């Protein structure tokens, strides 16, 4: 979210920033309905409520609110990125790609839409294009863990296990609580000839999450 409403208004505005999505929806709705707000304040309220709806997987209402936020502020790169994420949740890939592209046009150094678009390319099997976008995301935010893990997956799918291992090692250094990444690194290590290191990673990941092998097999990461 771009900024907080809490600093501007008491009561409903504070609730509109609440991390609990139900309280945020109620607070934002009351704040919006109260009227007498600037376009900037309304843009943020609609964006906050959209985010809360998306958290609850109420994607239709989330997109409707992002539409309102963007109508009020057509240069709101964050709203375009987040609406793109919501389209992606609905499987609306082309709409998501358009929103990510617009977010990047509006803010060329914004890491998140590059990362999100890279993930979509990866899901479509276009790993070279995915890596280019994820490179950009990491250029602007070198500690962007989601971009690291997904770039590692694209490298893995291309058979570049050394780079996959490097990305996943960096990601685990930033956030060790990722058994799926540890497992994937173990499979990459095995494929690279490091059976001992691979076995250690796979065993540790399985202890942390017994279902990890089945989960990763669905992503094409399997012995």
Protein backbone atom coordinates (compact mmCIF):
# COMPACT_ATOMS: atom_id res chain seq x y z
CA UNK A 1 0.00 0.00 0.00
CA UNK A 2 1.32 3.43 -0.91
CA UNK A 3 0.64 5.19 2.39
CA UNK A 4 -1.46 5.05 5.53
CA UNK A 5 -4.75 6.82 6.09
CA UNK A 6 -4.30 6.50 9.85
CA UNK A 7 -2.12 9.57 10.05
CA UNK A 8 -4.80 11.64 8.34
CA UNK A 9 -8.07 10.63 10.01
CA UNK A 10 -9.03 8.81 13.24
CA UNK A 11 -11.54 5.99 13.62
CA UNK A 12 -12.57 4.48 10.31
CA UNK A 13 -9.30 5.48 8.65
CA UNK A 14 -7.35 3.53 11.24
CA UNK A 15 -9.53 0.48 10.65
CA UNK A 16 -9.02 0.88 6.90
CA UNK A 17 -5.32 0.17 7.54
CA UNK A 18 -6.07 -2.86 9.73
CA UNK A 19 -4.19 -6.05 8.86
CA UNK A 20 -7.33 -8.09 9.54
CA UNK A 21 -9.16 -8.08 6.19
CA UNK A 22 -12.68 -8.07 7.66
CA UNK A 23 -11.92 -5.07 9.87
CA UNK A 24 -10.15 -3.35 6.99
CA UNK A 25 -13.14 -3.84 4.67
CA UNK A 26 -15.55 -2.50 7.29
CA UNK A 27 -13.30 0.43 8.12
CA UNK A 28 -12.62 1.36 4.52
CA UNK A 29 -16.30 1.11 3.61
CA UNK A 30 -17.26 3.42 6.48
CA UNK A 31 -14.48 5.81 5.56
CA UNK A 32 -15.50 5.91 1.87
CA UNK A 33 -19.19 6.31 2.69
CA UNK A 34 -18.47 9.21 5.07
CA UNK A 35 -17.54 11.43 2.12
CA UNK A 36 -15.56 14.70 2.22
CA UNK A 37 -12.28 13.08 1.18
CA UNK A 38 -9.69 14.13 -1.36
CA UNK A 39 -9.18 11.99 -4.48
CA UNK A 40 -5.84 10.88 -3.04
CA UNK A 41 -7.47 9.71 0.18
CA UNK A 42 -10.21 7.90 -1.69
CA UNK A 43 -7.68 6.23 -3.97
CA UNK A 44 -5.87 4.85 -0.94
CA UNK A 45 -9.10 3.72 0.73
CA UNK A 46 -10.26 1.86 -2.38
CA UNK A 47 -6.79 0.33 -2.75
CA UNK A 48 -6.73 -0.80 0.88
CA UNK A 49 -10.19 -2.32 0.61
CA UNK A 50 -9.25 -4.03 -2.66
CA UNK A 51 -6.20 -5.56 -0.98
CA UNK A 52 -8.37 -6.82 1.87
CA UNK A 53 -10.88 -8.33 -0.57
CA UNK A 54 -8.04 -10.03 -2.45
CA UNK A 55 -6.71 -11.44 0.83
CA UNK A 56 -10.12 -13.06 1.31
CA UNK A 57 -10.05 -14.34 -2.31
CA UNK A 58 -13.01 -12.11 -3.15
CA UNK A 59 -11.30 -11.22 -6.41
CA UNK A 60 -14.30 -9.70 -8.20
CA UNK A 61 -14.74 -7.06 -5.50
CA UNK A 62 -10.99 -6.53 -5.30
CA UNK A 63 -10.77 -5.77 -9.01
CA UNK A 64 -13.80 -3.47 -8.82
CA UNK A 65 -12.09 -1.45 -6.09
CA UNK A 66 -8.76 -1.35 -7.93
CA UNK A 67 -10.72 -0.08 -10.95
CA UNK A 68 -12.09 2.75 -8.81
CA UNK A 69 -8.63 3.56 -7.42
CA UNK A 70 -7.13 3.67 -10.90
CA UNK A 71 -9.98 5.84 -12.21
CA UNK A 72 -9.14 8.34 -9.46
CA UNK A 73 -5.38 8.06 -10.00
CA UNK A 74 -4.45 6.68 -13.44
CA UNK A 75 -0.74 6.93 -12.59
CA UNK A 76 -0.94 4.70 -9.52
CA UNK A 77 1.64 2.02 -10.33
CA UNK A 78 0.95 0.10 -7.10
CA UNK A 79 -2.75 -0.22 -7.92
CA UNK A 80 -1.93 -1.50 -11.41
CA UNK A 81 0.52 -4.05 -9.97
CA UNK A 82 -1.93 -5.24 -7.34
CA UNK A 83 -4.80 -5.45 -9.81
CA UNK A 84 -2.48 -7.52 -11.99
CA UNK A 85 -1.88 -9.87 -9.08
CA UNK A 86 -5.61 -10.21 -8.58
CA UNK A 87 -6.14 -10.98 -12.27
CA UNK A 88 -3.42 -13.62 -11.99
CA UNK A 89 -5.26 -15.17 -9.03
CA UNK A 90 -8.27 -15.51 -11.33
CA UNK A 91 -6.21 -17.09 -14.11
CA UNK A 92 -6.64 -13.97 -16.27
CA UNK A 93 -3.09 -13.95 -17.59
CA UNK A 94 -3.44 -11.42 -20.39
CA UNK A 95 -5.12 -8.89 -18.12
CA UNK A 96 -2.43 -9.42 -15.50
CA UNK A 97 0.34 -8.93 -18.06
CA UNK A 98 -1.23 -5.67 -19.23
CA UNK A 99 -1.44 -4.36 -15.68
CA UNK A 100 2.16 -5.31 -14.90
CA UNK A 101 3.34 -3.62 -18.09
CA UNK A 102 1.49 -0.44 -17.16
CA UNK A 103 2.91 -0.50 -13.63
CA UNK A 104 6.41 -0.79 -15.12
CA UNK A 105 5.73 2.02 -17.60
CA UNK A 106 4.59 4.28 -14.77
CA UNK A 107 7.45 3.33 -12.44
CA UNK A 108 10.35 1.75 -14.36
CA UNK A 109 12.34 0.97 -11.20
CA UNK A 110 9.44 -0.82 -9.45
CA UNK A 111 10.68 -4.35 -8.70
CA UNK A 112 7.37 -6.07 -7.93
CA UNK A 113 5.69 -5.93 -11.35
CA UNK A 114 8.87 -7.22 -12.97
CA UNK A 115 8.88 -10.10 -10.50
CA UNK A 116 5.19 -10.83 -10.89
CA UNK A 117 5.41 -10.76 -14.68
CA UNK A 118 8.44 -13.02 -14.58
CA UNK A 119 6.47 -15.57 -12.57
CA UNK A 120 3.70 -15.52 -15.18
CA UNK A 121 6.22 -16.08 -17.98
CA UNK A 122 7.63 -19.00 -16.02
CA UNK A 123 4.19 -20.55 -15.60
CA UNK A 124 3.74 -20.31 -19.35
CA UNK A 125 7.05 -22.13 -19.89
CA UNK A 126 8.85 -19.06 -21.27
CA UNK A 127 11.79 -19.32 -18.90
CA UNK A 128 14.19 -17.13 -20.83
CA UNK A 129 11.73 -14.25 -20.71
CA UNK A 130 10.99 -15.02 -17.07
CA UNK A 131 14.66 -14.76 -16.20
CA UNK A 132 14.97 -11.39 -17.96
CA UNK A 133 12.12 -9.94 -15.91
CA UNK A 134 13.36 -11.51 -12.69
CA UNK A 135 16.82 -10.11 -13.39
CA UNK A 136 15.25 -6.67 -13.54
CA UNK A 137 13.31 -7.25 -10.34
CA UNK A 138 16.50 -8.24 -8.54
CA UNK A 139 18.41 -5.32 -10.03
CA UNK A 140 16.00 -2.97 -8.30
CA UNK A 141 15.61 -5.10 -5.16
CA UNK A 142 18.51 -7.54 -4.60
CA UNK A 143 16.79 -9.05 -1.53
CA UNK A 144 13.51 -9.82 -3.30
CA UNK A 145 13.18 -13.42 -2.10
CA UNK A 146 10.22 -14.37 -4.31
CA UNK A 147 12.14 -13.25 -7.39
CA UNK A 148 15.17 -15.28 -6.33
CA UNK A 149 13.18 -18.46 -5.73
CA UNK A 150 11.34 -18.17 -9.02
CA UNK A 151 14.41 -17.29 -11.04
CA UNK A 152 16.01 -20.37 -9.51
CA UNK A 153 13.05 -22.43 -10.70
CA UNK A 154 13.40 -21.10 -14.25
CA UNK A 155 17.12 -21.88 -14.25
CA UNK A 156 16.29 -25.36 -12.97
CA UNK A 157 13.77 -25.90 -15.78
CA UNK A 158 16.43 -24.86 -18.28
CA UNK A 159 18.90 -27.35 -16.79
CA UNK A 160 21.19 -24.65 -15.38
CA UNK A 161 21.50 -26.26 -11.98
CA UNK A 162 24.49 -24.19 -10.83
CA UNK A 163 22.54 -20.96 -11.16
CA UNK A 164 19.43 -22.50 -9.64
CA UNK A 165 21.47 -23.60 -6.62
CA UNK A 166 23.03 -20.14 -6.32
CA UNK A 167 19.67 -18.39 -6.36
CA UNK A 168 18.10 -20.79 -3.91
CA UNK A 169 21.09 -20.54 -1.57
CA UNK A 170 20.80 -16.75 -1.57
CA UNK A 171 17.04 -16.99 -0.98
CA UNK A 172 17.52 -19.36 1.96
CA UNK A 173 20.09 -17.00 3.41
CA UNK A 174 17.51 -14.23 3.38
CA UNK A 175 14.61 -16.44 4.55
CA UNK A 176 15.59 -19.86 5.93
CA UNK A 177 11.97 -20.92 6.54
CA UNK A 178 11.39 -22.24 3.03
CA UNK A 179 11.41 -26.06 3.00
CA UNK A 180 10.21 -26.08 -0.62
CA UNK A 181 13.30 -24.12 -1.67
CA UNK A 182 15.58 -26.34 0.40
CA UNK A 183 14.05 -29.41 -1.25
CA UNK A 184 14.44 -27.93 -4.74
CA UNK A 185 18.07 -27.08 -4.02
CA UNK A 186 18.59 -30.66 -2.90
CA UNK A 187 17.22 -32.02 -6.20
CA UNK A 188 19.40 -29.58 -8.14
CA UNK A 189 22.45 -30.67 -6.13
CA UNK A 190 21.72 -34.30 -6.86
CA UNK A 191 21.40 -33.56 -10.57
CA UNK A 192 24.70 -31.68 -10.42
CA UNK A 193 26.46 -34.71 -8.97
CA UNK A 194 26.46 -33.59 -5.34
CA UNK A 195 24.49 -36.53 -3.99
CA UNK A 196 25.55 -36.01 -0.38
CA UNK A 197 24.61 -32.33 -0.31
CA UNK A 198 21.39 -33.09 -2.12
CA UNK A 199 20.42 -35.81 0.33
CA UNK A 200 21.04 -33.45 3.26
CA UNK A 201 18.78 -30.77 1.76
CA UNK A 202 16.01 -33.20 0.84
CA UNK A 203 16.04 -34.85 4.26
CA UNK A 204 16.00 -31.51 6.10
CA UNK A 205 13.17 -30.17 3.92
CA UNK A 206 11.12 -33.34 4.42
CA UNK A 207 11.51 -33.13 8.19
CA UNK A 208 10.18 -29.57 8.08
CA UNK A 209 7.34 -30.38 5.67
CA UNK A 210 6.57 -34.07 5.09
CA UNK A 211 4.47 -33.26 1.99
CA UNK A 212 7.16 -31.20 0.26
CA UNK A 213 8.12 -33.85 -2.31
CA UNK A 214 4.56 -34.13 -3.61
CA UNK A 215 4.15 -30.35 -3.66
CA UNK A 216 7.35 -29.79 -5.62
CA UNK A 217 6.63 -32.62 -8.04
CA UNK A 218 3.62 -30.60 -9.19
CA UNK A 219 6.07 -27.85 -10.17
CA UNK A 220 8.28 -30.28 -12.07
CA UNK A 221 10.95 -30.54 -9.37
CA UNK A 222 11.42 -34.23 -8.67
CA UNK A 223 14.26 -36.75 -8.42
